[in-house]
N, C-alpha and C. Protein backbone atom coordinates (compact mmCIF):
# COMPACT_ATOMS: atom_id res chain seq x y z
N UNK A 1 52.53 -18.70 28.37
CA UNK A 1 52.36 -17.18 27.51
C UNK A 1 51.50 -16.55 26.22
N UNK A 2 52.66 -18.36 25.43
CA UNK A 2 51.24 -18.19 23.92
C UNK A 2 49.59 -17.71 24.06
N UNK A 3 49.11 -19.69 25.16
CA UNK A 3 47.58 -19.37 25.65
C UNK A 3 47.18 -17.69 25.21
N UNK A 4 47.50 -16.52 26.29
CA UNK A 4 46.87 -15.91 26.78
C UNK A 4 47.23 -14.63 25.53
N UNK A 5 47.56 -15.58 24.84
CA UNK A 5 47.86 -14.46 23.15
C UNK A 5 47.22 -14.75 22.72
N UNK A 6 46.37 -17.07 22.33
CA UNK A 6 45.41 -17.16 21.71
C UNK A 6 44.18 -16.77 21.93
N UNK A 7 43.53 -16.73 23.13
CA UNK A 7 42.27 -16.28 23.77
C UNK A 7 42.08 -15.70 23.08
N UNK A 8 42.63 -14.45 22.54
CA UNK A 8 41.96 -12.65 22.35
C UNK A 8 40.59 -12.92 21.30
N UNK A 9 42.52 -14.15 20.40
CA UNK A 9 41.86 -14.88 18.71
C UNK A 9 40.69 -15.70 19.02
N UNK A 10 40.88 -16.43 19.63
CA UNK A 10 39.66 -18.06 19.32
C UNK A 10 39.03 -16.87 20.39
N UNK A 11 38.22 -16.09 20.77
CA UNK A 11 36.97 -15.30 21.37
C UNK A 11 36.39 -14.93 20.51
N UNK A 12 37.83 -14.63 19.45
CA UNK A 12 36.98 -13.27 18.03
C UNK A 12 36.06 -13.81 16.87
N UNK A 13 37.43 -15.63 16.69
CA UNK A 13 36.88 -16.72 16.34
C UNK A 13 35.43 -16.48 16.46
N UNK A 14 34.82 -17.50 17.76
CA UNK A 14 33.62 -17.57 17.94
C UNK A 14 32.84 -16.84 17.80
N UNK A 15 32.80 -15.35 18.55
CA UNK A 15 32.07 -14.03 17.92
C UNK A 15 32.28 -14.29 16.12
N UNK A 16 32.89 -14.79 15.53
CA UNK A 16 32.10 -14.76 14.04
C UNK A 16 31.86 -15.11 14.24
N UNK A 17 31.44 -16.49 14.38
CA UNK A 17 30.99 -18.14 14.05
C UNK A 17 29.76 -18.63 14.40
N UNK A 18 29.24 -17.69 15.71
CA UNK A 18 28.24 -17.67 16.21
C UNK A 18 27.03 -17.89 15.29
N UNK A 19 25.69 -18.69 16.66
CA UNK A 19 24.79 -18.52 15.67
C UNK A 19 23.99 -17.86 16.61
N UNK A 20 23.42 -16.47 15.33
CA UNK A 20 22.61 -15.49 15.39
C UNK A 20 21.73 -15.39 14.05
N UNK A 21 20.18 -15.06 14.45
CA UNK A 21 18.90 -15.00 13.87
C UNK A 21 18.80 -13.77 13.65
N UNK A 22 18.73 -13.21 12.57
CA UNK A 22 17.73 -11.54 12.72
C UNK A 22 16.51 -11.51 12.77
N UNK A 23 15.99 -11.10 13.36
CA UNK A 23 14.29 -11.02 13.56
C UNK A 23 14.19 -9.19 12.91
N UNK A 24 14.18 -9.46 11.49
CA UNK A 24 13.45 -8.43 11.18
C UNK A 24 12.07 -7.28 11.29
N UNK A 25 11.61 -6.80 12.15
CA UNK A 25 10.00 -6.19 11.60
C UNK A 25 9.65 -5.63 10.75
N UNK A 26 8.56 -6.60 9.78
CA UNK A 26 8.08 -5.31 9.13
C UNK A 26 6.78 -4.55 8.90
N UNK A 27 6.08 -4.31 10.81
CA UNK A 27 4.37 -4.24 11.14
C UNK A 27 5.10 -2.48 11.33
N UNK A 28 4.90 -1.51 11.28
CA UNK A 28 5.65 -0.41 11.88
C UNK A 28 4.73 -0.17 14.14
N UNK A 29 5.62 0.59 14.18
CA UNK A 29 5.49 0.46 15.36
C UNK A 29 4.24 0.97 16.22
N UNK A 30 2.92 0.68 16.71
CA UNK A 30 1.34 1.50 17.30
C UNK A 30 1.55 1.16 18.21
N UNK A 31 0.81 1.62 18.77
CA UNK A 31 0.46 1.58 20.45
C UNK A 31 -0.56 0.44 20.66
N UNK A 32 0.11 -0.83 21.23
CA UNK A 32 -1.01 -2.10 21.07
C UNK A 32 -1.24 -2.14 22.97
N UNK A 33 -2.33 -1.93 23.16
CA UNK A 33 -3.03 -2.61 24.27
C UNK A 33 -4.75 -2.38 24.60
N UNK A 34 -4.99 -3.37 25.02
CA UNK A 34 -7.14 -4.59 25.78
C UNK A 34 -6.29 -4.50 26.67
N UNK A 35 -7.55 -4.62 27.46
CA UNK A 35 -7.97 -5.43 28.36
C UNK A 35 -8.82 -6.33 27.94
N UNK A 36 -9.02 -7.77 28.58
CA UNK A 36 -10.39 -8.53 28.07
C UNK A 36 -10.68 -8.97 29.06
N UNK A 37 -12.24 -9.50 29.15
CA UNK A 37 -12.43 -9.42 30.32
C UNK A 37 -12.90 -11.39 30.37
N UNK A 38 -12.81 -12.64 30.19
CA UNK A 38 -12.61 -13.50 30.01
C UNK A 38 -14.30 -14.36 30.34
N UNK A 39 -14.72 -13.19 31.94
CA UNK A 39 -16.13 -13.70 32.69
C UNK A 39 -17.53 -12.75 32.27
N UNK A 40 -17.26 -12.00 30.48
CA UNK A 40 -18.35 -11.33 30.17
C UNK A 40 -18.10 -10.86 28.14
N UNK A 41 -17.54 -9.72 28.00
CA UNK A 41 -17.55 -9.50 26.95
C UNK A 41 -16.54 -10.56 26.14
N UNK A 42 -14.96 -11.33 26.87
CA UNK A 42 -14.95 -12.09 25.82
C UNK A 42 -14.61 -14.00 25.88
N UNK A 43 -15.66 -13.97 26.78
CA UNK A 43 -16.14 -15.36 26.90
C UNK A 43 -15.84 -16.06 26.22
N UNK A 44 -15.29 -15.30 25.02
CA UNK A 44 -15.71 -15.98 24.26
C UNK A 44 -14.35 -17.50 23.51
N UNK A 45 -12.90 -17.10 24.17
CA UNK A 45 -12.06 -16.73 24.63
C UNK A 45 -11.42 -17.41 25.19
N UNK A 46 -12.05 -18.48 25.89
CA UNK A 46 -12.52 -19.49 27.32
C UNK A 46 -12.13 -20.84 26.25
N UNK A 47 -12.41 -21.20 25.07
CA UNK A 47 -12.75 -22.62 24.90
C UNK A 47 -11.19 -22.51 23.88
N UNK A 48 -10.22 -23.32 24.23
CA UNK A 48 -9.48 -24.46 23.94
C UNK A 48 -8.93 -23.95 22.70
N UNK A 49 -8.02 -23.41 21.77
CA UNK A 49 -7.71 -22.60 20.36
C UNK A 49 -8.61 -21.25 19.95
N UNK A 50 -9.17 -20.61 20.74
CA UNK A 50 -10.74 -19.92 20.45
C UNK A 50 -9.59 -18.92 20.19
N UNK A 51 -9.83 -18.09 19.53
CA UNK A 51 -9.20 -16.57 18.65
C UNK A 51 -10.03 -15.28 18.39
N UNK A 52 -9.11 -14.19 18.29
CA UNK A 52 -10.58 -13.37 18.20
C UNK A 52 -9.67 -12.63 17.50
N UNK A 53 -10.66 -11.25 16.73
CA UNK A 53 -8.77 -10.10 16.24
C UNK A 53 -9.49 -9.20 16.82
N UNK A 54 -9.41 -7.97 17.30
CA UNK A 54 -9.37 -6.49 18.25
C UNK A 54 -8.94 -5.98 16.69
N UNK A 55 -10.33 -4.38 16.56
CA UNK A 55 -9.61 -3.82 15.60
C UNK A 55 -10.14 -2.05 16.64
N UNK A 56 -10.86 -1.66 15.92
CA UNK A 56 -10.81 -0.10 16.81
C UNK A 56 -12.21 -0.86 16.90
N UNK A 57 -13.13 -1.26 15.24
CA UNK A 57 -13.96 -1.33 15.40
C UNK A 57 -14.92 -2.09 16.50
N UNK A 58 -14.42 -2.91 17.51
CA UNK A 58 -15.14 -3.68 18.00
C UNK A 58 -14.44 -3.88 19.82
N UNK A 59 -13.60 -2.48 20.60
CA UNK A 59 -13.82 -2.85 21.43
C UNK A 59 -14.06 -1.80 22.30
N UNK A 60 -14.39 -2.05 23.05
CA UNK A 60 -14.99 -0.95 23.97
C UNK A 60 -14.93 0.07 25.47
N UNK A 61 -13.35 0.43 25.41
CA UNK A 61 -12.75 1.37 26.74
C UNK A 61 -11.90 1.95 25.56
N UNK A 62 -12.70 2.58 25.90
CA UNK A 62 -11.85 4.80 25.26
C UNK A 62 -10.14 4.16 25.24
N UNK A 63 -9.16 4.05 26.21
CA UNK A 63 -7.78 3.65 26.75
C UNK A 63 -6.91 2.54 25.95
N UNK A 64 -8.81 1.78 24.85
CA UNK A 64 -7.30 0.38 24.75
C UNK A 64 -7.48 1.21 23.32
N UNK A 65 -6.03 0.27 21.68
CA UNK A 65 -5.20 0.51 20.48
C UNK A 65 -5.27 -0.52 20.63
N UNK A 66 -5.85 -0.83 19.49
CA UNK A 66 -5.06 -2.43 19.00
C UNK A 66 -3.71 -2.79 17.39
N UNK A 67 -2.66 -1.94 17.46
CA UNK A 67 -1.62 -1.75 16.98
C UNK A 67 -1.95 -1.44 15.34
N UNK A 68 -0.66 -2.08 14.39
CA UNK A 68 -0.77 -1.99 13.24
C UNK A 68 -2.07 -2.84 12.35
N UNK A 69 -2.00 -3.98 12.16
CA UNK A 69 -3.74 -4.92 12.04
C UNK A 69 -4.86 -5.29 12.75
N UNK A 70 -4.76 -4.97 13.99
CA UNK A 70 -6.00 -5.15 14.53
C UNK A 70 -4.80 -6.31 14.98
N UNK A 71 -5.05 -6.99 17.19
CA UNK A 71 -5.12 -7.45 17.32
C UNK A 71 -5.54 -9.40 17.50
N UNK A 72 -4.63 -10.45 17.19
CA UNK A 72 -5.32 -11.54 17.26
C UNK A 72 -4.91 -12.14 18.50
N UNK A 73 -5.50 -12.70 19.62
CA UNK A 73 -5.59 -13.32 20.55
C UNK A 73 -6.02 -14.57 19.66
N UNK A 74 -5.04 -15.72 20.58
CA UNK A 74 -4.79 -16.75 20.46
C UNK A 74 -4.85 -18.01 22.20
N UNK A 75 -6.08 -18.32 22.08
CA UNK A 75 -5.82 -20.19 23.48
C UNK A 75 -4.99 -20.88 23.23
N UNK A 76 -3.70 -21.27 23.47
CA UNK A 76 -3.30 -21.99 23.08
C UNK A 76 -3.32 -22.94 24.13
N UNK A 77 -2.19 -24.30 24.36
CA UNK A 77 -2.71 -24.47 25.09
C UNK A 77 -1.98 -24.61 26.76
N UNK A 78 -2.47 -25.63 27.32
CA UNK A 78 -1.46 -24.23 28.67
C UNK A 78 -3.29 -23.88 29.19
N UNK A 79 -3.71 -23.41 28.73
CA UNK A 79 -4.16 -22.47 28.70
C UNK A 79 -3.48 -20.54 28.72
N UNK A 80 -2.28 -20.89 27.62
CA UNK A 80 -1.96 -19.41 27.63
C UNK A 80 -2.08 -19.09 26.70
N UNK A 81 -2.33 -17.21 26.84
CA UNK A 81 -2.71 -16.68 25.86
C UNK A 81 -1.34 -15.98 25.35
N UNK A 82 -2.13 -15.79 23.57
CA UNK A 82 -1.07 -15.11 22.19
C UNK A 82 -1.41 -13.78 21.74
N UNK A 83 -0.76 -13.51 22.27
CA UNK A 83 -1.23 -11.84 21.09
C UNK A 83 -0.28 -12.36 19.75
N UNK A 84 -1.23 -11.28 18.10
CA UNK A 84 0.16 -11.17 17.90
C UNK A 84 -0.44 -10.02 16.43
N UNK A 85 0.08 -9.40 16.44
CA UNK A 85 -0.40 -8.41 14.64
C UNK A 85 -1.53 -9.00 14.31
N UNK A 86 -2.26 -8.64 14.22
CA UNK A 86 -3.30 -9.59 12.53
C UNK A 86 -2.40 -9.15 11.32
N UNK A 87 -1.94 -7.99 11.07
CA UNK A 87 -1.58 -7.49 10.00
C UNK A 87 -0.16 -9.07 9.60
N UNK A 88 -0.86 -9.51 8.08
CA UNK A 88 0.34 -10.32 7.31
C UNK A 88 1.99 -9.69 7.66
N UNK A 89 3.52 -10.51 8.30
CA UNK A 89 3.88 -8.89 7.91
C UNK A 89 4.86 -9.83 6.45
N UNK A 90 4.32 -9.93 5.87
CA UNK A 90 4.64 -11.05 3.93
C UNK A 90 4.54 -9.26 3.54
N UNK A 91 3.11 -9.12 3.67
CA UNK A 91 2.07 -7.59 2.79
C UNK A 91 2.95 -6.49 3.79
N UNK A 92 2.44 -6.48 4.97
CA UNK A 92 3.15 -5.70 5.66
C UNK A 92 2.50 -4.20 4.95
N UNK A 93 0.82 -4.83 5.23
CA UNK A 93 -0.32 -3.51 4.55
C UNK A 93 -1.16 -3.92 6.10
N UNK A 94 -1.95 -2.44 6.53
CA UNK A 94 -3.13 -2.97 7.33
C UNK A 94 -4.21 -3.22 7.21
N UNK A 95 -4.36 -3.16 5.58
CA UNK A 95 -5.43 -3.56 6.09
C UNK A 95 -5.49 -5.42 5.17
N UNK A 96 -3.93 -5.54 5.29
CA UNK A 96 -4.80 -6.49 4.72
C UNK A 96 -4.40 -8.12 6.05
N UNK A 97 -4.06 -8.45 6.51
CA UNK A 97 -5.01 -9.52 7.78
C UNK A 97 -5.27 -10.46 8.02
N UNK A 98 -4.62 -11.22 8.58
CA UNK A 98 -4.80 -12.98 9.21
C UNK A 98 -5.71 -13.39 9.02
N UNK A 99 -5.90 -14.55 8.87
CA UNK A 99 -7.81 -14.74 9.21
C UNK A 99 -7.47 -16.48 9.96
N UNK A 100 -8.11 -17.14 11.13
CA UNK A 100 -8.00 -18.30 11.97
C UNK A 100 -9.21 -19.16 11.43
N UNK A 101 -8.30 -19.92 10.52
CA UNK A 101 -9.72 -21.59 11.01
C UNK A 101 -10.68 -21.40 11.79
N UNK A 102 -11.57 -21.97 11.62
CA UNK A 102 -12.69 -22.39 12.72
C UNK A 102 -12.22 -22.55 13.60
N UNK A 103 -11.31 -22.81 14.72
CA UNK A 103 -11.80 -24.75 15.71
C UNK A 103 -9.49 -24.96 15.03
N UNK A 104 -8.54 -23.20 14.43
CA UNK A 104 -8.00 -23.84 13.73
C UNK A 104 -6.29 -23.53 15.17
N UNK A 105 -4.95 -23.86 14.25
CA UNK A 105 -4.53 -23.72 15.10
C UNK A 105 -3.17 -22.74 13.81
N UNK A 106 -3.45 -21.86 13.49
CA UNK A 106 -2.90 -21.72 11.78
C UNK A 106 -3.72 -19.99 12.48
N UNK A 107 -3.01 -19.26 11.37
CA UNK A 107 -3.52 -17.53 10.33
C UNK A 107 -2.84 -18.18 9.21
N UNK A 108 -4.15 -17.68 8.97
CA UNK A 108 -3.68 -17.85 6.64
C UNK A 108 -4.07 -15.80 6.05
N UNK A 109 -3.04 -15.81 5.38
CA UNK A 109 -3.30 -14.91 5.01
C UNK A 109 -3.88 -14.96 3.44
N UNK A 110 -5.63 -14.03 3.56
CA UNK A 110 -5.95 -14.90 1.81
C UNK A 110 -4.93 -13.91 0.88
N UNK A 111 -4.22 -12.66 0.86
CA UNK A 111 -4.12 -12.45 -0.67
C UNK A 111 -2.62 -12.89 -0.54
N UNK A 112 -1.57 -13.15 0.15
CA UNK A 112 -0.35 -14.34 -0.35
C UNK A 112 -0.67 -15.87 -0.08
N UNK A 113 -1.83 -15.95 0.43
CA UNK A 113 -1.76 -16.99 0.99
C UNK A 113 -0.84 -17.92 2.19
N UNK A 114 -0.11 -16.63 2.60
CA UNK A 114 0.79 -17.38 3.76
C UNK A 114 0.16 -17.62 5.55
N UNK A 115 1.05 -19.19 6.20
CA UNK A 115 0.43 -19.25 7.07
C UNK A 115 1.55 -19.48 7.52
N UNK A 116 0.09 -19.22 8.98
CA UNK A 116 2.08 -19.14 10.51
C UNK A 116 0.65 -19.66 11.34
N UNK A 117 1.86 -20.34 12.58
CA UNK A 117 1.61 -21.14 13.09
C UNK A 117 1.09 -19.89 14.57
N UNK A 118 -0.17 -20.59 15.09
CA UNK A 118 -0.55 -20.13 16.71
C UNK A 118 -0.02 -21.10 17.80
N UNK A 119 -0.06 -21.73 17.93
CA UNK A 119 -0.23 -23.08 18.98
C UNK A 119 1.16 -22.56 19.66
N UNK A 120 1.99 -22.05 20.14
CA UNK A 120 3.34 -22.52 20.81
C UNK A 120 3.39 -21.17 21.32
N UNK A 121 2.29 -19.75 19.86
CA UNK A 121 2.43 -18.55 20.11
C UNK A 121 4.40 -17.55 20.07
N UNK A 122 4.61 -18.67 18.96
CA UNK A 122 5.34 -17.77 17.36
C UNK A 122 5.57 -17.40 16.87
N UNK A 123 4.66 -16.99 15.97
CA UNK A 123 3.67 -17.20 14.87
C UNK A 123 4.74 -16.92 13.61
N UNK A 124 4.99 -18.29 13.81
CA UNK A 124 6.47 -18.36 12.53
C UNK A 124 5.35 -19.13 11.30
N UNK A 125 6.28 -18.35 10.04
CA UNK A 125 5.43 -19.57 9.44
C UNK A 125 5.51 -20.36 8.57
N UNK A 126 5.09 -21.21 8.09
CA UNK A 126 4.57 -22.88 8.05
C UNK A 126 4.77 -23.69 6.86
N UNK A 127 4.38 -22.35 6.05
CA UNK A 127 3.68 -22.46 4.21
C UNK A 127 4.11 -21.03 3.93
N UNK A 128 3.64 -21.39 2.43
CA UNK A 128 3.53 -19.65 1.60
C UNK A 128 4.77 -18.75 1.48
N UNK A 129 5.03 -17.92 0.82
CA UNK A 129 5.79 -17.51 0.55
C UNK A 129 6.73 -15.33 1.76
N UNK A 130 5.78 -15.74 3.55
CA UNK A 130 6.43 -15.38 3.97
C UNK A 130 7.44 -16.01 4.63
N UNK A 131 9.00 -15.65 4.73
CA UNK A 131 10.00 -15.88 5.82
C UNK A 131 10.13 -14.88 7.04
N UNK A 132 8.97 -13.87 6.78
CA UNK A 132 8.28 -13.58 8.37
C UNK A 132 7.52 -13.69 9.04
N UNK A 133 7.70 -14.12 10.78
CA UNK A 133 6.85 -14.40 11.60
C UNK A 133 5.73 -13.18 12.06
N UNK A 134 5.30 -13.61 12.18
CA UNK A 134 4.38 -12.23 12.05
C UNK A 134 4.24 -11.68 13.84
N UNK A 135 3.92 -10.68 13.89
CA UNK A 135 4.96 -9.10 15.55
C UNK A 135 3.97 -9.69 16.88
N UNK A 136 3.97 -9.87 17.43
CA UNK A 136 4.13 -10.61 18.84
C UNK A 136 4.20 -9.41 19.77
N UNK A 137 3.42 -9.49 20.63
CA UNK A 137 2.82 -8.95 21.63
C UNK A 137 2.70 -9.14 23.20
N UNK A 138 3.24 -7.99 24.03
CA UNK A 138 3.44 -9.34 25.50
C UNK A 138 1.70 -10.03 26.03
N UNK A 139 1.58 -10.29 26.12
CA UNK A 139 -0.02 -11.12 27.13
C UNK A 139 0.31 -10.95 28.81
N UNK A 140 -0.67 -10.97 29.72
CA UNK A 140 -0.08 -11.18 31.04
C UNK A 140 -1.45 -11.78 31.47
N UNK A 141 -1.53 -12.49 32.58
CA UNK A 141 -3.13 -11.65 32.74
C UNK A 141 -2.98 -12.21 34.60
N UNK A 142 -4.64 -11.99 35.54
CA UNK A 142 -4.76 -11.65 36.51
C UNK A 142 -6.08 -11.74 36.58
N UNK A 143 -6.30 -13.74 37.45
CA UNK A 143 -7.73 -14.29 37.63
C UNK A 143 -7.81 -14.60 35.93
N UNK A 144 -9.93 -13.76 36.01
CA UNK A 144 -10.24 -13.90 34.53
C UNK A 144 -10.10 -12.67 33.10
N UNK A 145 -8.82 -11.77 33.51
CA UNK A 145 -8.47 -10.83 32.99
C UNK A 145 -7.20 -10.90 31.63
N UNK A 146 -6.94 -10.12 30.69
CA UNK A 146 -6.42 -10.33 30.00
C UNK A 146 -6.02 -9.12 29.58
N UNK A 147 -4.57 -8.81 29.96
CA UNK A 147 -3.51 -7.56 29.48
C UNK A 147 -2.95 -7.41 28.29
N UNK A 148 -3.15 -7.22 27.27
CA UNK A 148 -1.93 -7.29 26.07
C UNK A 148 -1.14 -6.23 25.80
N UNK A 149 -0.57 -6.44 25.33
CA UNK A 149 0.92 -4.80 25.25
C UNK A 149 0.71 -4.40 25.45
N UNK A 150 1.30 -2.94 26.15
CA UNK A 150 1.93 -2.36 27.03
C UNK A 150 0.82 -1.02 26.70
N UNK A 151 1.11 0.22 27.58
CA UNK A 151 0.15 1.29 28.07
C UNK A 151 0.98 2.64 28.07
């Protein structure tokens, strides 16, 4: 009988001390949808560690949307593509966007100096003042087409 009384107490203690990580979203929600073609306009992304930032000024279809600060698409290991909002989450301004160094695996904010890892698709901060991850977007692939976001 004592075991039955201890079980709810133990369960409550476990819930209190469980490891939880709160991920704060600093980038405002905006519509995101891109259709990329690795055969034609977006063939530069075929190279390993290639990246490109898409903004309203360089998209080619009327139904495409580029989020808050643009969409950063990165070609990682194992032929996997990742997409992030290009706005620096530390600054949280649409006009302060990260840049990827030539052939690099990190994105860097030119204003605050925060550096974000892209290689494994996390967008986690690795140096600088930021404690926030880059905003991630879903990516799917069908043959030579890459689809970013949701419509």
